[in-house]
Amino acid sequence: MKNLSKYLLTASTIFLTTTFAQARDQIRIVGSSTVYPFATVVAEKFGISSSFKTPVVESTGSGGGLKIFCQGIGPTHVDITNASRRIKSKEVK
C-alpha cells in the first residue's frame, strides 16, 4: 500500500508539474538516492504513457536535493525533489 501511495504521489506531482516545465521542455527531478530507483521507474512510465519527454532524474541525496530545490523556481531550476526524510527547519528558507 505504501508503494502504491508513493507511486500515485510521484505520478501526480510529475503530471501537475508539466505545465511549469514546458519552458524547458522536460521535468527535472533531484533528491534521495534511496528514492532514485523508484523515481526513475515512475519517470520512464510517465514518458511512455504521455506526450511529454521522460523527466530527468538525478540522485543527489535528500539534503542535496532539498538544497538545490530551494534555490529558486523557473526553467533554470529543478521542478521536484525526492527526500527520504522530512525537510529540516534550517533547510527551509
Foldseek 3Di string as FASTA:
>chain_A
DVLVVVLVVLLVLLVVCPVQQVVVQAAEEEEAPVCQVVNQVSQVVCCVPDPGHRHHYYYDYHLRRLLQQQPDDHNVGHRYYDYPDDDDPVSHD
